[in-house]
Amino acid sequence: MAIEKVIIQNFKKFKNPFEIKFNENINLLVGDNESGKSTILEAIHVALTGIYAGRSIRNQLSAYLFNREVVEEYLASVEAGHPTAPPEIMIEL
């Protein structure tokens, strides 16, 4: 089975839902440094294996995995006394 598309939200660089569609054959990820190429591959790996940085994602869950802007917005809402729902990471294959 091949991955047809990936949707990522609130995972590292990707705040808003980011969708990428793949061909059946070869796919190349090309972009500048810090544009999210490795993050796309990490998201696929986490979704397929539940492993991040060699360990179960359950043991690695930290603010670093969440989009920084989303975390800052959540913390600001808590400090203001009107907390919003905590951020969630969504990776769909």
PDB file of N, CA and C in Angstrom:
ATOM      1  N   MET A   1       0.847  -1.168   0.000  1.00  0.00           N
ATOM      2  CA  MET A   1       0.000   0.000   0.000  1.00  0.00           C
ATOM      3  C   MET A   1       0.900   1.241   0.000  1.00  0.00           C
ATOM      4  N   ALA A   2       0.530   2.229  -0.772  1.00  0.00           N
ATOM      5  CA  ALA A   2       1.298   3.472  -0.871  1.00  0.00           C
ATOM      6  C   ALA A   2       0.578   4.590  -0.125  1.00  0.00           C
ATOM      7  N   ILE A   3       1.340   5.539   0.364  1.00  0.00           N
ATOM      8  CA  ILE A   3       0.769   6.721   0.998  1.00  0.00           C
ATOM      9  C   ILE A   3       0.354   7.675  -0.115  1.00  0.00           C
ATOM     10  N   GLU A   4      -0.912   8.034  -0.145  1.00  0.00           N
ATOM     11  CA  GLU A   4      -1.421   8.934  -1.176  1.00  0.00           C
ATOM     12  C   GLU A   4      -1.284  10.396  -0.774  1.00  0.00           C
ATOM     13  N   LYS A   5      -1.530  10.675   0.510  1.00  0.00           N
ATOM     14  CA  LYS A   5      -1.392  12.047   0.982  1.00  0.00           C
ATOM     15  C   LYS A   5      -1.113  12.059   2.474  1.00  0.00           C
ATOM     16  N   VAL A   6      -0.582  13.169   2.939  1.00  0.00           N
ATOM     17  CA  VAL A   6      -0.290  13.376   4.352  1.00  0.00           C
ATOM     18  C   VAL A   6      -0.888  14.722   4.741  1.00  0.00           C
ATOM     19  N   ILE A   7      -1.554  14.753   5.888  1.00  0.00           N
ATOM     20  CA  ILE A   7      -2.067  16.005   6.443  1.00  0.00           C
ATOM     21  C   ILE A   7      -1.441  16.156   7.833  1.00  0.00           C
ATOM     22  N   ILE A   8      -0.838  17.316   8.063  1.00  0.00           N
ATOM     23  CA  ILE A   8      -0.147  17.582   9.326  1.00  0.00           C
ATOM     24  C   ILE A   8      -0.678  18.884   9.910  1.00  0.00           C
ATOM     25  N   GLN A   9      -0.976  18.871  11.214  1.00  0.00           N
ATOM     26  CA  GLN A   9      -1.410  20.092  11.891  1.00  0.00           C
ATOM     27  C   GLN A   9      -0.822  20.138  13.287  1.00  0.00           C
ATOM     28  N   ASN A  10      -0.294  21.300  13.655  1.00  0.00           N
ATOM     29  CA  ASN A  10       0.277  21.568  14.984  1.00  0.00           C
ATOM     30  C   ASN A  10       1.497  20.720  15.307  1.00  0.00           C
ATOM     31  N   PHE A  11       2.140  20.139  14.325  1.00  0.00           N
ATOM     32  CA  PHE A  11       3.346  19.345  14.533  1.00  0.00           C
ATOM     33  C   PHE A  11       4.529  20.168  14.058  1.00  0.00           C
ATOM     34  N   LYS A  12       5.363  20.546  15.005  1.00  0.00           N
ATOM     35  CA  LYS A  12       6.573  21.325  14.744  1.00  0.00           C
ATOM     36  C   LYS A  12       6.283  22.550  13.890  1.00  0.00           C
ATOM     37  N   LYS A  13       6.782  22.618  12.697  1.00  0.00           N
ATOM     38  CA  LYS A  13       6.669  23.803  11.844  1.00  0.00           C
ATOM     39  C   LYS A  13       5.240  24.062  11.365  1.00  0.00           C
ATOM     40  N   PHE A  14       4.437  23.025  11.269  1.00  0.00           N
ATOM     41  CA  PHE A  14       3.137  23.132  10.622  1.00  0.00           C
ATOM     42  C   PHE A  14       2.027  23.437  11.624  1.00  0.00           C
ATOM     43  N   LYS A  15       1.532  24.679  11.589  1.00  0.00           N
ATOM     44  CA  LYS A  15       0.441  25.090  12.478  1.00  0.00           C
ATOM     45  C   LYS A  15      -0.905  24.744  11.845  1.00  0.00           C
ATOM     46  N   ASN A  16      -1.203  25.374  10.742  1.00  0.00           N
ATOM     47  CA  ASN A  16      -2.463  25.134  10.035  1.00  0.00           C
ATOM     48  C   ASN A  16      -2.378  23.819   9.280  1.00  0.00           C
ATOM     49  N   PRO A  17      -3.503  23.197   9.002  1.00  0.00           N
ATOM     50  CA  PRO A  17      -3.442  21.921   8.276  1.00  0.00           C
ATOM     51  C   PRO A  17      -2.636  22.059   6.986  1.00  0.00           C
ATOM     52  N   PHE A  18      -1.616  21.232   6.874  1.00  0.00           N
ATOM     53  CA  PHE A  18      -0.753  21.185   5.692  1.00  0.00           C
ATOM     54  C   PHE A  18      -1.004  19.851   5.009  1.00  0.00           C
ATOM     55  N   GLU A  19      -1.275  19.890   3.735  1.00  0.00           N
ATOM     56  CA  GLU A  19      -1.551  18.654   2.990  1.00  0.00           C
ATOM     57  C   GLU A  19      -0.575  18.526   1.829  1.00  0.00           C
ATOM     58  N   ILE A  20      -0.043  17.338   1.678  1.00  0.00           N
ATOM     59  CA  ILE A  20       0.830  17.035   0.551  1.00  0.00           C
ATOM     60  C   ILE A  20       0.348  15.726  -0.067  1.00  0.00           C
ATOM     61  N   LYS A  21       0.212  15.725  -1.384  1.00  0.00           N
ATOM     62  CA  LYS A  21      -0.220  14.526  -2.102  1.00  0.00           C
ATOM     63  C   LYS A  21       0.988  13.915  -2.797  1.00  0.00           C
ATOM     64  N   PHE A  22       1.016  12.589  -2.835  1.00  0.00           N
ATOM     65  CA  PHE A  22       2.134  11.868  -3.417  1.00  0.00           C
ATOM     66  C   PHE A  22       1.725  11.138  -4.692  1.00  0.00           C
ATOM     67  N   ASN A  23       2.712  10.944  -5.563  1.00  0.00           N
ATOM     68  CA  ASN A  23       2.534  10.128  -6.769  1.00  0.00           C
ATOM     69  C   ASN A  23       2.643   8.658  -6.388  1.00  0.00           C
ATOM     70  N   GLU A  24       2.290   7.798  -7.321  1.00  0.00           N
ATOM     71  CA  GLU A  24       2.470   6.363  -7.089  1.00  0.00           C
ATOM     72  C   GLU A  24       3.935   5.970  -7.229  1.00  0.00           C
ATOM     73  N   ASN A  25       4.704   6.742  -7.977  1.00  0.00           N
ATOM     74  CA  ASN A  25       6.095   6.390  -8.258  1.00  0.00           C
ATOM     75  C   ASN A  25       7.042   7.100  -7.295  1.00  0.00           C
ATOM     76  N   ILE A  26       7.914   7.912  -7.811  1.00  0.00           N
ATOM     77  CA  ILE A  26       8.931   8.592  -7.013  1.00  0.00           C
ATOM     78  C   ILE A  26       8.443   9.987  -6.642  1.00  0.00           C
ATOM     79  N   ASN A  27       8.725  10.370  -5.407  1.00  0.00           N
ATOM     80  CA  ASN A  27       8.383  11.704  -4.929  1.00  0.00           C
ATOM     81  C   ASN A  27       9.638  12.341  -4.343  1.00  0.00           C
ATOM     82  N   LEU A  28       9.861  13.603  -4.666  1.00  0.00           N
ATOM     83  CA  LEU A  28      11.009  14.341  -4.152  1.00  0.00           C
ATOM     84  C   LEU A  28      10.526  15.496  -3.303  1.00  0.00           C
ATOM     85  N   LEU A  29      11.125  15.659  -2.138  1.00  0.00           N
ATOM     86  CA  LEU A  29      10.847  16.821  -1.296  1.00  0.00           C
ATOM     87  C   LEU A  29      12.019  17.772  -1.457  1.00  0.00           C
ATOM     88  N   VAL A  30      11.748  18.939  -2.012  1.00  0.00           N
ATOM     89  CA  VAL A  30      12.785  19.926  -2.275  1.00  0.00           C
ATOM     90  C   VAL A  30      12.368  21.240  -1.644  1.00  0.00           C
ATOM     91  N   GLY A  31      13.305  21.910  -0.983  1.00  0.00           N
ATOM     92  CA  GLY A  31      12.999  23.210  -0.394  1.00  0.00           C
ATOM     93  C   GLY A  31      14.191  23.749   0.353  1.00  0.00           C
ATOM     94  N   ASP A  32      14.065  24.995   0.778  1.00  0.00           N
ATOM     95  CA  ASP A  32      15.123  25.649   1.538  1.00  0.00           C
ATOM     96  C   ASP A  32      15.295  24.971   2.895  1.00  0.00           C
ATOM     97  N   ASN A  33      16.400  25.284   3.556  1.00  0.00           N
ATOM     98  CA  ASN A  33      16.612  24.829   4.923  1.00  0.00           C
ATOM     99  C   ASN A  33      15.472  25.344   5.795  1.00  0.00           C
ATOM    100  N   GLU A  34      15.052  24.537   6.758  1.00  0.00           N
ATOM    101  CA  GLU A  34      13.990  24.896   7.701  1.00  0.00           C
ATOM    102  C   GLU A  34      12.626  25.094   7.034  1.00  0.00           C
ATOM    103  N   SER A  35      12.424  24.496   5.853  1.00  0.00           N
ATOM    104  CA  SER A  35      11.127  24.642   5.184  1.00  0.00           C
ATOM    105  C   SER A  35      10.147  23.530   5.548  1.00  0.00           C
ATOM    106  N   GLY A  36      10.626  22.481   6.236  1.00  0.00           N
ATOM    107  CA  GLY A  36       9.730  21.435   6.713  1.00  0.00           C
ATOM    108  C   GLY A  36       9.885  20.082   6.049  1.00  0.00           C
ATOM    109  N   LYS A  37      10.891  19.905   5.206  1.00  0.00           N
ATOM    110  CA  LYS A  37      11.083  18.613   4.517  1.00  0.00           C
ATOM    111  C   LYS A  37      11.272  17.470   5.515  1.00  0.00           C
ATOM    112  N   SER A  38      12.178  17.650   6.445  1.00  0.00           N
ATOM    113  CA  SER A  38      12.439  16.596   7.440  1.00  0.00           C
ATOM    114  C   SER A  38      11.249  16.401   8.363  1.00  0.00           C
ATOM    115  N   THR A  39      10.532  17.462   8.652  1.00  0.00           N
ATOM    116  CA  THR A  39       9.360  17.361   9.512  1.00  0.00           C
ATOM    117  C   THR A  39       8.283  16.505   8.864  1.00  0.00           C
ATOM    118  N   ILE A  40       8.120  16.622   7.559  1.00  0.00           N
ATOM    119  CA  ILE A  40       7.160  15.770   6.836  1.00  0.00           C
ATOM    120  C   ILE A  40       7.550  14.307   7.002  1.00  0.00           C
ATOM    121  N   LEU A  41       8.824  14.009   6.829  1.00  0.00           N
ATOM    122  CA  LEU A  41       9.289  12.620   6.980  1.00  0.00           C
ATOM    123  C   LEU A  41       9.150  12.141   8.419  1.00  0.00           C
ATOM    124  N   GLU A  42       9.453  13.006   9.392  1.00  0.00           N
ATOM    125  CA  GLU A  42       9.277  12.636  10.798  1.00  0.00           C
ATOM    126  C   GLU A  42       7.818  12.355  11.115  1.00  0.00           C
ATOM    127  N   ALA A  43       6.924  13.169  10.577  1.00  0.00           N
ATOM    128  CA  ALA A  43       5.488  12.973  10.816  1.00  0.00           C
ATOM    129  C   ALA A  43       5.026  11.634  10.263  1.00  0.00           C
ATOM    130  N   ILE A  44       5.479  11.298   9.067  1.00  0.00           N
ATOM    131  CA  ILE A  44       5.121  10.003   8.477  1.00  0.00           C
ATOM    132  C   ILE A  44       5.643   8.873   9.354  1.00  0.00           C
ATOM    133  N   HIS A  45       6.885   8.993   9.788  1.00  0.00           N
ATOM    134  CA  HIS A  45       7.498   7.952  10.628  1.00  0.00           C
ATOM    135  C   HIS A  45       6.737   7.794  11.954  1.00  0.00           C
ATOM    136  N   VAL A  46       6.394   8.910  12.589  1.00  0.00           N
ATOM    137  CA  VAL A  46       5.652   8.850  13.860  1.00  0.00           C
ATOM    138  C   VAL A  46       4.287   8.199  13.648  1.00  0.00           C
ATOM    139  N   ALA A  47       3.604   8.587  12.575  1.00  0.00           N
ATOM    140  CA  ALA A  47       2.266   8.039  12.323  1.00  0.00           C
ATOM    141  C   ALA A  47       2.313   6.541  12.042  1.00  0.00           C
ATOM    142  N   LEU A  48       3.339   6.095  11.346  1.00  0.00           N
ATOM    143  CA  LEU A  48       3.422   4.674  10.992  1.00  0.00           C
ATOM    144  C   LEU A  48       3.952   3.795  12.120  1.00  0.00           C
ATOM    145  N   THR A  49       4.854   4.342  12.947  1.00  0.00           N
ATOM    146  CA  THR A  49       5.527   3.499  13.936  1.00  0.00           C
ATOM    147  C   THR A  49       5.235   3.859  15.384  1.00  0.00           C
ATOM    148  N   GLY A  50       4.824   5.104  15.640  1.00  0.00           N
ATOM    149  CA  GLY A  50       4.670   5.559  17.021  1.00  0.00           C
ATOM    150  C   GLY A  50       6.003   5.839  17.677  1.00  0.00           C
ATOM    151  N   ILE A  51       7.064   5.906  16.867  1.00  0.00           N
ATOM    152  CA  ILE A  51       8.418   6.119  17.373  1.00  0.00           C
ATOM    153  C   ILE A  51       8.898   7.506  16.960  1.00  0.00           C
ATOM    154  N   TYR A  52       9.492   8.245  17.901  1.00  0.00           N
ATOM    155  CA  TYR A  52      10.118   9.529  17.608  1.00  0.00           C
ATOM    156  C   TYR A  52      11.476   9.554  18.296  1.00  0.00           C
ATOM    157  N   ALA A  53      12.511   9.873  17.547  1.00  0.00           N
ATOM    158  CA  ALA A  53      13.880   9.933  18.077  1.00  0.00           C
ATOM    159  C   ALA A  53      14.272   8.618  18.764  1.00  0.00           C
ATOM    160  N   GLY A  54      13.827   7.509  18.180  1.00  0.00           N
ATOM    161  CA  GLY A  54      14.223   6.204  18.685  1.00  0.00           C
ATOM    162  C   GLY A  54      13.443   5.695  19.878  1.00  0.00           C
ATOM    163  N   ARG A  55      12.441   6.440  20.313  1.00  0.00           N
ATOM    164  CA  ARG A  55      11.659   6.027  21.478  1.00  0.00           C
ATOM    165  C   ARG A  55      10.176   6.165  21.197  1.00  0.00           C
ATOM    166  N   SER A  56       9.376   5.469  21.969  1.00  0.00           N
ATOM    167  CA  SER A  56       7.929   5.570  21.829  1.00  0.00           C
ATOM    168  C   SER A  56       7.502   7.016  22.018  1.00  0.00           C
ATOM    169  N   ILE A  57       6.596   7.473  21.180  1.00  0.00           N
ATOM    170  CA  ILE A  57       6.128   8.856  21.257  1.00  0.00           C
ATOM    171  C   ILE A  57       5.514   9.143  22.621  1.00  0.00           C
ATOM    172  N   ARG A  58       4.992   8.142  23.284  1.00  0.00           N
ATOM    173  CA  ARG A  58       4.430   8.332  24.622  1.00  0.00           C
ATOM    174  C   ARG A  58       5.484   8.827  25.600  1.00  0.00           C
ATOM    175  N   ASN A  59       6.731   8.401  25.389  1.00  0.00           N
ATOM    176  CA  ASN A  59       7.819   8.806  26.276  1.00  0.00           C
ATOM    177  C   ASN A  59       8.519  10.071  25.803  1.00  0.00           C
ATOM    178  N   GLN A  60       8.198  10.549  24.621  1.00  0.00           N
ATOM    179  CA  GLN A  60       8.875  11.696  24.038  1.00  0.00           C
ATOM    180  C   GLN A  60       7.964  12.912  23.908  1.00  0.00           C
ATOM    181  N   LEU A  61       6.742  12.812  24.335  1.00  0.00           N
ATOM    182  CA  LEU A  61       5.799  13.912  24.153  1.00  0.00           C
ATOM    183  C   LEU A  61       6.274  15.136  24.935  1.00  0.00           C
ATOM    184  N   SER A  62       6.553  16.210  24.209  1.00  0.00           N
ATOM    185  CA  SER A  62       7.019  17.446  24.828  1.00  0.00           C
ATOM    186  C   SER A  62       6.518  18.629  24.019  1.00  0.00           C
ATOM    187  N   ALA A  63       6.653  19.816  24.586  1.00  0.00           N
ATOM    188  CA  ALA A  63       6.224  21.033  23.891  1.00  0.00           C
ATOM    189  C   ALA A  63       6.993  21.208  22.580  1.00  0.00           C
ATOM    190  N   TYR A  64       8.192  20.649  22.483  1.00  0.00           N
ATOM    191  CA  TYR A  64       9.012  20.765  21.274  1.00  0.00           C
ATOM    192  C   TYR A  64       8.315  20.176  20.048  1.00  0.00           C
ATOM    193  N   LEU A  65       7.497  19.170  20.230  1.00  0.00           N
ATOM    194  CA  LEU A  65       6.823  18.533  19.097  1.00  0.00           C
ATOM    195  C   LEU A  65       5.653  19.362  18.572  1.00  0.00           C
ATOM    196  N   PHE A  66       5.113  20.225  19.416  1.00  0.00           N
ATOM    197  CA  PHE A  66       3.975  21.052  19.035  1.00  0.00           C
ATOM    198  C   PHE A  66       4.464  22.310  18.317  1.00  0.00           C
ATOM    199  N   ASN A  67       3.628  22.845  17.470  1.00  0.00           N
ATOM    200  CA  ASN A  67       3.920  24.110  16.825  1.00  0.00           C
ATOM    201  C   ASN A  67       4.065  25.177  17.908  1.00  0.00           C
ATOM    202  N   ARG A  68       5.167  25.913  17.881  1.00  0.00           N
ATOM    203  CA  ARG A  68       5.477  26.886  18.927  1.00  0.00           C
ATOM    204  C   ARG A  68       4.397  27.957  19.061  1.00  0.00           C
ATOM    205  N   GLU A  69       3.886  28.430  17.944  1.00  0.00           N
ATOM    206  CA  GLU A  69       2.866  29.475  17.969  1.00  0.00           C
ATOM    207  C   GLU A  69       1.584  28.994  18.658  1.00  0.00           C
ATOM    208  N   VAL A  70       1.204  27.749  18.402  1.00  0.00           N
ATOM    209  CA  VAL A  70       0.007  27.181  19.025  1.00  0.00           C
ATOM    210  C   VAL A  70       0.192  27.060  20.532  1.00  0.00           C
ATOM    211  N   VAL A  71       1.381  26.642  20.953  1.00  0.00           N
ATOM    212  CA  VAL A  71       1.664  26.527  22.391  1.00  0.00           C
ATOM    213  C   VAL A  71       1.616  27.898  23.047  1.00  0.00           C
ATOM    214  N   GLU A  72       2.222  28.902  22.404  1.00  0.00           N
ATOM    215  CA  GLU A  72       2.218  30.256  22.958  1.00  0.00           C
ATOM    216  C   GLU A  72       0.792  30.807  23.074  1.00  0.00           C
ATOM    217  N   GLU A  73      -0.040  30.552  22.072  1.00  0.00           N
ATOM    218  CA  GLU A  73      -1.431  31.004  22.127  1.00  0.00           C
ATOM    219  C   GLU A  73      -2.179  30.338  23.279  1.00  0.00           C
ATOM    220  N   TYR A  74      -1.928  29.049  23.467  1.00  0.00           N
ATOM    221  CA  TYR A  74      -2.592  28.333  24.564  1.00  0.00           C
ATOM    222  C   TYR A  74      -2.147  28.888  25.914  1.00  0.00           C
ATOM    223  N   LEU A  75      -0.836  29.055  26.097  1.00  0.00           N
ATOM    224  CA  LEU A  75      -0.329  29.575  27.370  1.00  0.00           C
ATOM    225  C   LEU A  75      -0.847  30.983  27.647  1.00  0.00           C
ATOM    226  N   ALA A  76      -0.964  31.797  26.607  1.00  0.00           N
ATOM    227  CA  ALA A  76      -1.511  33.152  26.776  1.00  0.00           C
ATOM    228  C   ALA A  76      -2.967  33.086  27.213  1.00  0.00           C
ATOM    229  N   SER A  77      -3.724  32.141  26.672  1.00  0.00           N
ATOM    230  CA  SER A  77      -5.133  32.017  27.071  1.00  0.00           C
ATOM    231  C   SER A  77      -5.253  31.580  28.530  1.00  0.00           C
ATOM    232  N   VAL A  78      -4.337  30.732  28.983  1.00  0.00           N
ATOM    233  CA  VAL A  78      -4.344  30.297  30.383  1.00  0.00           C
ATOM    234  C   VAL A  78      -3.999  31.467  31.292  1.00  0.00           C
ATOM    235  N   GLU A  79      -2.965  32.223  30.915  1.00  0.00           N
ATOM    236  CA  GLU A  79      -2.554  33.372  31.721  1.00  0.00           C
ATOM    237  C   GLU A  79      -3.649  34.437  31.780  1.00  0.00           C
ATOM    238  N   ALA A  80      -4.425  34.562  30.713  1.00  0.00           N
ATOM    239  CA  ALA A  80      -5.501  35.555  30.670  1.00  0.00           C
ATOM    240  C   ALA A  80      -6.724  35.097  31.465  1.00  0.00           C
ATOM    241  N   GLY A  81      -6.716  33.859  31.937  1.00  0.00           N
ATOM    242  CA  GLY A  81      -7.835  33.354  32.720  1.00  0.00           C
ATOM    243  C   GLY A  81      -8.963  32.779  31.896  1.00  0.00           C
ATOM    244  N   HIS A  82      -8.756  32.638  30.597  1.00  0.00           N
ATOM    245  CA  HIS A  82      -9.762  32.070  29.699  1.00  0.00           C
ATOM    246  C   HIS A  82      -9.118  30.960  28.862  1.00  0.00           C
ATOM    247  N   PRO A  83      -8.752  29.860  29.513  1.00  0.00           N
ATOM    248  CA  PRO A  83      -8.020  28.819  28.783  1.00  0.00           C
ATOM    249  C   PRO A  83      -8.836  28.197  27.648  1.00  0.00           C
ATOM    250  N   THR A  84      -8.167  28.050  26.532  1.00  0.00           N
ATOM    251  CA  THR A  84      -8.751  27.332  25.403  1.00  0.00           C
ATOM    252  C   THR A  84      -8.390  25.858  25.553  1.00  0.00           C
ATOM    253  N   ALA A  85      -8.886  25.038  24.657  1.00  0.00           N
ATOM    254  CA  ALA A  85      -8.531  23.613  24.688  1.00  0.00           C
ATOM    255  C   ALA A  85      -7.036  23.474  24.421  1.00  0.00           C
ATOM    256  N   PRO A  86      -6.371  22.555  25.117  1.00  0.00           N
ATOM    257  CA  PRO A  86      -4.937  22.348  24.864  1.00  0.00           C
ATOM    258  C   PRO A  86      -4.703  21.969  23.399  1.00  0.00           C
ATOM    259  N   PRO A  87      -3.554  22.340  22.879  1.00  0.00           N
ATOM    260  CA  PRO A  87      -3.271  22.014  21.473  1.00  0.00           C
ATOM    261  C   PRO A  87      -3.167  20.505  21.254  1.00  0.00           C
ATOM    262  N   GLU A  88      -3.506  20.102  20.053  1.00  0.00           N
ATOM    263  CA  GLU A  88      -3.404  18.694  19.644  1.00  0.00           C
ATOM    264  C   GLU A  88      -2.549  18.603  18.393  1.00  0.00           C
ATOM    265  N   ILE A  89      -1.829  17.530  18.265  1.00  0.00           N
ATOM    266  CA  ILE A  89      -1.088  17.243  17.036  1.00  0.00           C
ATOM    267  C   ILE A  89      -1.937  16.292  16.212  1.00  0.00           C
ATOM    268  N   MET A  90      -2.058  16.596  14.916  1.00  0.00           N
ATOM    269  CA  MET A  90      -2.799  15.718  14.023  1.00  0.00           C
ATOM    270  C   MET A  90      -1.896  15.357  12.847  1.00  0.00           C
ATOM    271  N   ILE A  91      -1.711  14.068  12.647  1.00  0.00           N
ATOM    272  CA  ILE A  91      -0.979  13.552  11.490  1.00  0.00           C
ATOM    273  C   ILE A  91      -1.854  12.487  10.870  1.00  0.00           C
ATOM    274  N   GLU A  92      -2.259  12.718   9.644  1.00  0.00           N
ATOM    275  CA  GLU A  92      -3.139  11.786   8.946  1.00  0.00           C
ATOM    276  C   GLU A  92      -2.450  11.300   7.680  1.00  0.00           C
ATOM    277  N   LEU A  93      -2.411   9.997   7.503  1.00  0.00           N
ATOM    278  CA  LEU A  93      -1.837   9.400   6.292  1.00  0.00           C
ATOM    279  C   LEU A  93      -2.939   8.753   5.514  1.00  0.00           C
TER     280      LEU A  93
END
